[in-house]
Amino acid sequence: MAQPSASPSNVRARLELPMRLGNRSQFLHRPLLLTVGDNVEQLGRLVDAPKDRAGQLYNGATDADYAVMVSAASGTVGDEAATLDELFSWFPRVGEVRAVDPGLLGGVARCGSGRNDQHYVTMCAWADRISVGMVTFLSPKKRLGLPDDEFVEIRSEVEFPVPGPPAGQ
């Protein structure tokens, strides 16, 4: 698995939430936007020397997909695996959690699935030395398989390693 080319001591993460993620547009739904905001706040507590936080809601790509929530925080992550352990512990309804390829940005990543009161939930999350984030897919129907490739693509549209002093310096 590829890691960012510069060492974590001289790289920080810039988080951006584009107007469009692939064929998805930003979506206004107050209850889900409040959830995104709560997720961003919690993720900010998982990083030392927080630098940036971002969260957004996007519409589904098809009628079978209702929405995608993206939440992330940048800073310094000491233990990537332990950070994901804590993150997934917040969501006891998300089960069948398994390691997935984090993509070219490196770190560790996992995906799991479950169901809340209204939707099937597929949640993927990453932690690397400079950020932690999650992509949550909500759907009226249970997904067949996990969206590993889509998760990696979304992450690459949101997180950008940039040279500079570590977060907080």
C-alpha atoms as a PDB file:
ATOM      1  CA  MET A   1       0.000   0.000   0.000  1.00  0.00           C
ATOM      2  CA  ALA A   2       1.346   3.391  -0.963  1.00  0.00           C
ATOM      3  CA  GLN A   3       2.158   6.030   1.619  1.00  0.00           C
ATOM      4  CA  PRO A   4       2.431   9.794   1.088  1.00  0.00           C
ATOM      5  CA  SER A   5       5.905  10.507  -0.300  1.00  0.00           C
ATOM      6  CA  ALA A   6       6.937  12.985   2.399  1.00  0.00           C
ATOM      7  CA  SER A   7       7.319  12.039   6.035  1.00  0.00           C
ATOM      8  CA  PRO A   8       4.425  12.895   8.381  1.00  0.00           C
ATOM      9  CA  SER A   9       6.628  15.425  10.160  1.00  0.00           C
ATOM     10  CA  ASN A  10       6.625  17.762   7.165  1.00  0.00           C
ATOM     11  CA  VAL A  11       3.196  17.090   5.671  1.00  0.00           C
ATOM     12  CA  ARG A  12      -0.253  18.236   6.704  1.00  0.00           C
ATOM     13  CA  ALA A  13      -3.682  17.528   5.233  1.00  0.00           C
ATOM     14  CA  ARG A  14      -5.821  20.083   3.479  1.00  0.00           C
ATOM     15  CA  LEU A  15      -9.482  19.068   3.454  1.00  0.00           C
ATOM     16  CA  GLU A  16     -11.791  20.230   0.684  1.00  0.00           C
ATOM     17  CA  LEU A  17     -15.405  19.436   0.028  1.00  0.00           C
ATOM     18  CA  PRO A  18     -16.183  19.962  -3.644  1.00  0.00           C
ATOM     19  CA  MET A  19     -19.596  21.041  -4.920  1.00  0.00           C
ATOM     20  CA  ARG A  20     -19.724  17.688  -6.708  1.00  0.00           C
ATOM     21  CA  LEU A  21     -18.282  14.285  -5.816  1.00  0.00           C
ATOM     22  CA  GLY A  22     -18.264  12.448  -9.115  1.00  0.00           C
ATOM     23  CA  ASN A  23     -21.909  12.530 -10.206  1.00  0.00           C
ATOM     24  CA  ARG A  24     -23.151  13.469  -6.722  1.00  0.00           C
ATOM     25  CA  SER A  25     -24.206  17.024  -5.770  1.00  0.00           C
ATOM     26  CA  GLN A  26     -24.313  18.649  -2.363  1.00  0.00           C
ATOM     27  CA  PHE A  27     -27.622  17.818  -0.717  1.00  0.00           C
ATOM     28  CA  LEU A  28     -29.614  19.793   1.858  1.00  0.00           C
ATOM     29  CA  HIS A  29     -31.353  17.662   4.462  1.00  0.00           C
ATOM     30  CA  ARG A  30     -31.249  19.267   7.906  1.00  0.00           C
ATOM     31  CA  PRO A  31     -31.310  16.105  10.088  1.00  0.00           C
ATOM     32  CA  LEU A  32     -28.516  14.465   8.086  1.00  0.00           C
ATOM     33  CA  LEU A  33     -26.478  17.690   7.991  1.00  0.00           C
ATOM     34  CA  LEU A  34     -26.715  17.825  11.791  1.00  0.00           C
ATOM     35  CA  THR A  35     -25.379  14.256  11.895  1.00  0.00           C
ATOM     36  CA  VAL A  36     -22.511  15.252   9.589  1.00  0.00           C
ATOM     37  CA  GLY A  37     -21.705  18.170  11.905  1.00  0.00           C
ATOM     38  CA  ASP A  38     -21.717  15.876  14.945  1.00  0.00           C
ATOM     39  CA  ASN A  39     -19.418  13.432  13.128  1.00  0.00           C
ATOM     40  CA  VAL A  40     -16.984  16.218  12.219  1.00  0.00           C
ATOM     41  CA  GLU A  41     -16.922  17.397  15.836  1.00  0.00           C
ATOM     42  CA  GLN A  42     -16.198  13.865  17.108  1.00  0.00           C
ATOM     43  CA  LEU A  43     -13.491  13.264  14.487  1.00  0.00           C
ATOM     44  CA  GLY A  44     -11.787  16.475  15.585  1.00  0.00           C
ATOM     45  CA  ARG A  45     -11.348  14.893  19.007  1.00  0.00           C
ATOM     46  CA  LEU A  46      -9.421  11.975  17.484  1.00  0.00           C
ATOM     47  CA  VAL A  47      -6.559  14.130  16.186  1.00  0.00           C
ATOM     48  CA  ASP A  48      -3.891  15.969  18.137  1.00  0.00           C
ATOM     49  CA  ALA A  49      -3.247  19.595  17.177  1.00  0.00           C
ATOM     50  CA  PRO A  50      -6.403  19.845  15.020  1.00  0.00           C
ATOM     51  CA  LYS A  51      -5.837  21.834  11.870  1.00  0.00           C
ATOM     52  CA  ASP A  52      -8.918  21.478   9.683  1.00  0.00           C
ATOM     53  CA  ARG A  53     -12.395  19.943   9.843  1.00  0.00           C
ATOM     54  CA  ALA A  54     -14.846  19.373   7.028  1.00  0.00           C
ATOM     55  CA  GLY A  55     -18.192  17.704   6.455  1.00  0.00           C
ATOM     56  CA  GLN A  56     -20.813  17.623   3.744  1.00  0.00           C
ATOM     57  CA  LEU A  57     -23.836  15.699   2.556  1.00  0.00           C
ATOM     58  CA  TYR A  58     -24.184  14.584  -1.061  1.00  0.00           C
ATOM     59  CA  ASN A  59     -27.131  13.100  -2.908  1.00  0.00           C
ATOM     60  CA  GLY A  60     -27.191   9.498  -3.993  1.00  0.00           C
ATOM     61  CA  ALA A  61     -25.724   8.450  -7.326  1.00  0.00           C
ATOM     62  CA  THR A  62     -28.806   6.398  -8.203  1.00  0.00           C
ATOM     63  CA  ASP A  63     -32.353   5.889  -6.930  1.00  0.00           C
ATOM     64  CA  ALA A  64     -30.979   2.983  -4.883  1.00  0.00           C
ATOM     65  CA  ASP A  65     -28.614   5.352  -3.054  1.00  0.00           C
ATOM     66  CA  TYR A  66     -30.170   7.978  -0.827  1.00  0.00           C
ATOM     67  CA  ALA A  67     -27.214  10.041   0.364  1.00  0.00           C
ATOM     68  CA  VAL A  68     -23.505  10.068   1.182  1.00  0.00           C
ATOM     69  CA  MET A  69     -22.141  11.791   4.294  1.00  0.00           C
ATOM     70  CA  VAL A  70     -18.473  12.822   4.260  1.00  0.00           C
ATOM     71  CA  SER A  71     -16.740  13.910   7.487  1.00  0.00           C
ATOM     72  CA  ALA A  72     -13.038  14.461   8.180  1.00  0.00           C
ATOM     73  CA  ALA A  73     -10.554  16.172  10.483  1.00  0.00           C
ATOM     74  CA  SER A  74      -6.865  16.841   9.998  1.00  0.00           C
ATOM     75  CA  GLY A  75      -4.159  17.082  12.591  1.00  0.00           C
ATOM     76  CA  THR A  76      -1.793  14.488  13.988  1.00  0.00           C
ATOM     77  CA  VAL A  77      -2.856  10.862  14.403  1.00  0.00           C
ATOM     78  CA  GLY A  78      -0.594   8.864  16.702  1.00  0.00           C
ATOM     79  CA  ASP A  79      -1.993   5.348  16.267  1.00  0.00           C
ATOM     80  CA  GLU A  80      -3.962   4.826  13.086  1.00  0.00           C
ATOM     81  CA  ALA A  81      -5.424   1.395  13.963  1.00  0.00           C
ATOM     82  CA  ALA A  82      -6.457   2.469  17.481  1.00  0.00           C
ATOM     83  CA  THR A  83      -8.060   5.590  16.025  1.00  0.00           C
ATOM     84  CA  LEU A  84     -10.229   3.465  13.726  1.00  0.00           C
ATOM     85  CA  ASP A  85     -11.050   1.123  16.622  1.00  0.00           C
ATOM     86  CA  GLU A  86     -12.405   4.091  18.569  1.00  0.00           C
ATOM     87  CA  LEU A  87     -14.245   5.534  15.573  1.00  0.00           C
ATOM     88  CA  PHE A  88     -16.088   2.285  14.810  1.00  0.00           C
ATOM     89  CA  SER A  89     -16.901   1.835  18.517  1.00  0.00           C
ATOM     90  CA  TRP A  90     -19.129   4.922  18.231  1.00  0.00           C
ATOM     91  CA  PHE A  91     -21.352   3.052  15.754  1.00  0.00           C
ATOM     92  CA  PRO A  92     -22.328  -0.288  17.333  1.00  0.00           C
ATOM     93  CA  ARG A  93     -24.903  -0.951  14.595  1.00  0.00           C
ATOM     94  CA  VAL A  94     -22.127  -1.031  11.986  1.00  0.00           C
ATOM     95  CA  GLY A  95     -20.854  -4.596  11.874  1.00  0.00           C
ATOM     96  CA  GLU A  96     -18.918  -6.868   9.557  1.00  0.00           C
ATOM     97  CA  VAL A  97     -16.075  -4.334   9.687  1.00  0.00           C
ATOM     98  CA  ARG A  98     -13.124  -5.337   7.547  1.00  0.00           C
ATOM     99  CA  ALA A  99      -9.856  -3.800   6.401  1.00  0.00           C
ATOM    100  CA  VAL A 100      -9.887  -2.289   2.920  1.00  0.00           C
ATOM    101  CA  ASP A 101      -7.274  -0.700   0.692  1.00  0.00           C
ATOM    102  CA  PRO A 102      -6.822   2.946   1.804  1.00  0.00           C
ATOM    103  CA  GLY A 103      -5.727   3.978  -1.689  1.00  0.00           C
ATOM    104  CA  LEU A 104      -2.723   6.062  -2.657  1.00  0.00           C
ATOM    105  CA  LEU A 105      -3.053   8.333   0.385  1.00  0.00           C
ATOM    106  CA  GLY A 106      -2.049   5.451   2.643  1.00  0.00           C
ATOM    107  CA  GLY A 107      -2.808   4.900   6.280  1.00  0.00           C
ATOM    108  CA  VAL A 108      -5.382   2.303   7.278  1.00  0.00           C
ATOM    109  CA  ALA A 109      -8.993   1.976   6.185  1.00  0.00           C
ATOM    110  CA  ARG A 110     -11.985  -0.167   7.092  1.00  0.00           C
ATOM    111  CA  CYS A 111     -15.561  -0.561   5.899  1.00  0.00           C
ATOM    112  CA  GLY A 112     -18.601  -2.046   7.614  1.00  0.00           C
ATOM    113  CA  SER A 113     -22.355  -2.158   7.203  1.00  0.00           C
ATOM    114  CA  GLY A 114     -25.510  -2.059   9.249  1.00  0.00           C
ATOM    115  CA  ARG A 115     -28.920  -0.489   9.491  1.00  0.00           C
ATOM    116  CA  ASN A 116     -30.301   2.528  11.314  1.00  0.00           C
ATOM    117  CA  ASP A 117     -33.969   3.372  11.764  1.00  0.00           C
ATOM    118  CA  GLN A 118     -34.477   4.449   8.142  1.00  0.00           C
ATOM    119  CA  HIS A 119     -31.584   3.299   5.971  1.00  0.00           C
ATOM    120  CA  TYR A 120     -29.045   0.636   5.303  1.00  0.00           C
ATOM    121  CA  VAL A 121     -25.691   2.103   6.243  1.00  0.00           C
ATOM    122  CA  THR A 122     -22.330   1.334   4.685  1.00  0.00           C
ATOM    123  CA  MET A 123     -19.546   3.183   6.448  1.00  0.00           C
ATOM    124  CA  CYS A 124     -15.914   3.390   5.394  1.00  0.00           C
ATOM    125  CA  ALA A 125     -13.286   5.239   7.414  1.00  0.00           C
ATOM    126  CA  TRP A 126      -9.600   6.021   7.178  1.00  0.00           C
ATOM    127  CA  ALA A 127      -6.860   7.146   9.514  1.00  0.00           C
ATOM    128  CA  ASP A 128      -3.415   8.212   8.424  1.00  0.00           C
ATOM    129  CA  ARG A 129      -0.723  10.210  10.215  1.00  0.00           C
ATOM    130  CA  ILE A 130      -2.330  13.529   9.211  1.00  0.00           C
ATOM    131  CA  SER A 131      -6.099  12.940   9.122  1.00  0.00           C
ATOM    132  CA  VAL A 132      -9.078  10.804  10.017  1.00  0.00           C
ATOM    133  CA  GLY A 133     -12.341  10.644   8.122  1.00  0.00           C
ATOM    134  CA  MET A 134     -15.400   8.690   7.209  1.00  0.00           C
ATOM    135  CA  VAL A 135     -17.670   8.228   4.211  1.00  0.00           C
ATOM    136  CA  THR A 136     -21.145   6.927   5.034  1.00  0.00           C
ATOM    137  CA  PHE A 137     -23.464   5.655   2.323  1.00  0.00           C
ATOM    138  CA  LEU A 138     -27.186   5.612   3.145  1.00  0.00           C
ATOM    139  CA  SER A 139     -29.506   3.495   1.030  1.00  0.00           C
ATOM    140  CA  PRO A 140     -33.118   2.277   1.149  1.00  0.00           C
ATOM    141  CA  LYS A 141     -31.889  -1.138  -0.028  1.00  0.00           C
ATOM    142  CA  LYS A 142     -29.075  -3.283   1.268  1.00  0.00           C
ATOM    143  CA  ARG A 143     -25.941  -2.947  -0.857  1.00  0.00           C
ATOM    144  CA  LEU A 144     -24.395  -5.998  -2.368  1.00  0.00           C
ATOM    145  CA  GLY A 145     -20.759  -5.746  -1.352  1.00  0.00           C
ATOM    146  CA  LEU A 146     -18.914  -2.749   0.021  1.00  0.00           C
ATOM    147  CA  PRO A 147     -18.034   0.357  -2.013  1.00  0.00           C
ATOM    148  CA  ASP A 148     -14.259   0.036  -1.602  1.00  0.00           C
ATOM    149  CA  ASP A 149     -13.359   1.740  -4.909  1.00  0.00           C
ATOM    150  CA  GLU A 150     -15.913   4.511  -4.476  1.00  0.00           C
ATOM    151  CA  PHE A 151     -14.641   5.155  -0.941  1.00  0.00           C
ATOM    152  CA  VAL A 152     -11.033   5.511  -2.172  1.00  0.00           C
ATOM    153  CA  GLU A 153     -12.183   7.841  -4.973  1.00  0.00           C
ATOM    154  CA  ILE A 154     -14.184  10.043  -2.583  1.00  0.00           C
ATOM    155  CA  ARG A 155     -11.289  10.194  -0.111  1.00  0.00           C
ATOM    156  CA  SER A 156      -8.942  11.309  -2.896  1.00  0.00           C
ATOM    157  CA  GLU A 157     -11.342  14.153  -3.737  1.00  0.00           C
ATOM    158  CA  VAL A 158     -11.460  15.348  -0.104  1.00  0.00           C
ATOM    159  CA  GLU A 159      -7.973  14.884   1.418  1.00  0.00           C
ATOM    160  CA  PHE A 160      -4.875  16.535  -0.025  1.00  0.00           C
ATOM    161  CA  PRO A 161      -1.459  16.060   1.615  1.00  0.00           C
ATOM    162  CA  VAL A 162       0.521  19.281   1.320  1.00  0.00           C
ATOM    163  CA  PRO A 163       4.080  20.125   2.366  1.00  0.00           C
ATOM    164  CA  GLY A 164       4.391  22.314   5.411  1.00  0.00           C
ATOM    165  CA  PRO A 165       4.778  22.197   9.128  1.00  0.00           C
ATOM    166  CA  PRO A 166       2.730  19.633  11.006  1.00  0.00           C
ATOM    167  CA  ALA A 167      -0.663  20.647  12.257  1.00  0.00           C
ATOM    168  CA  GLY A 168      -0.526  23.046  15.173  1.00  0.00           C
ATOM    169  CA  GLN A 169       2.876  24.527  14.320  1.00  0.00           C
END
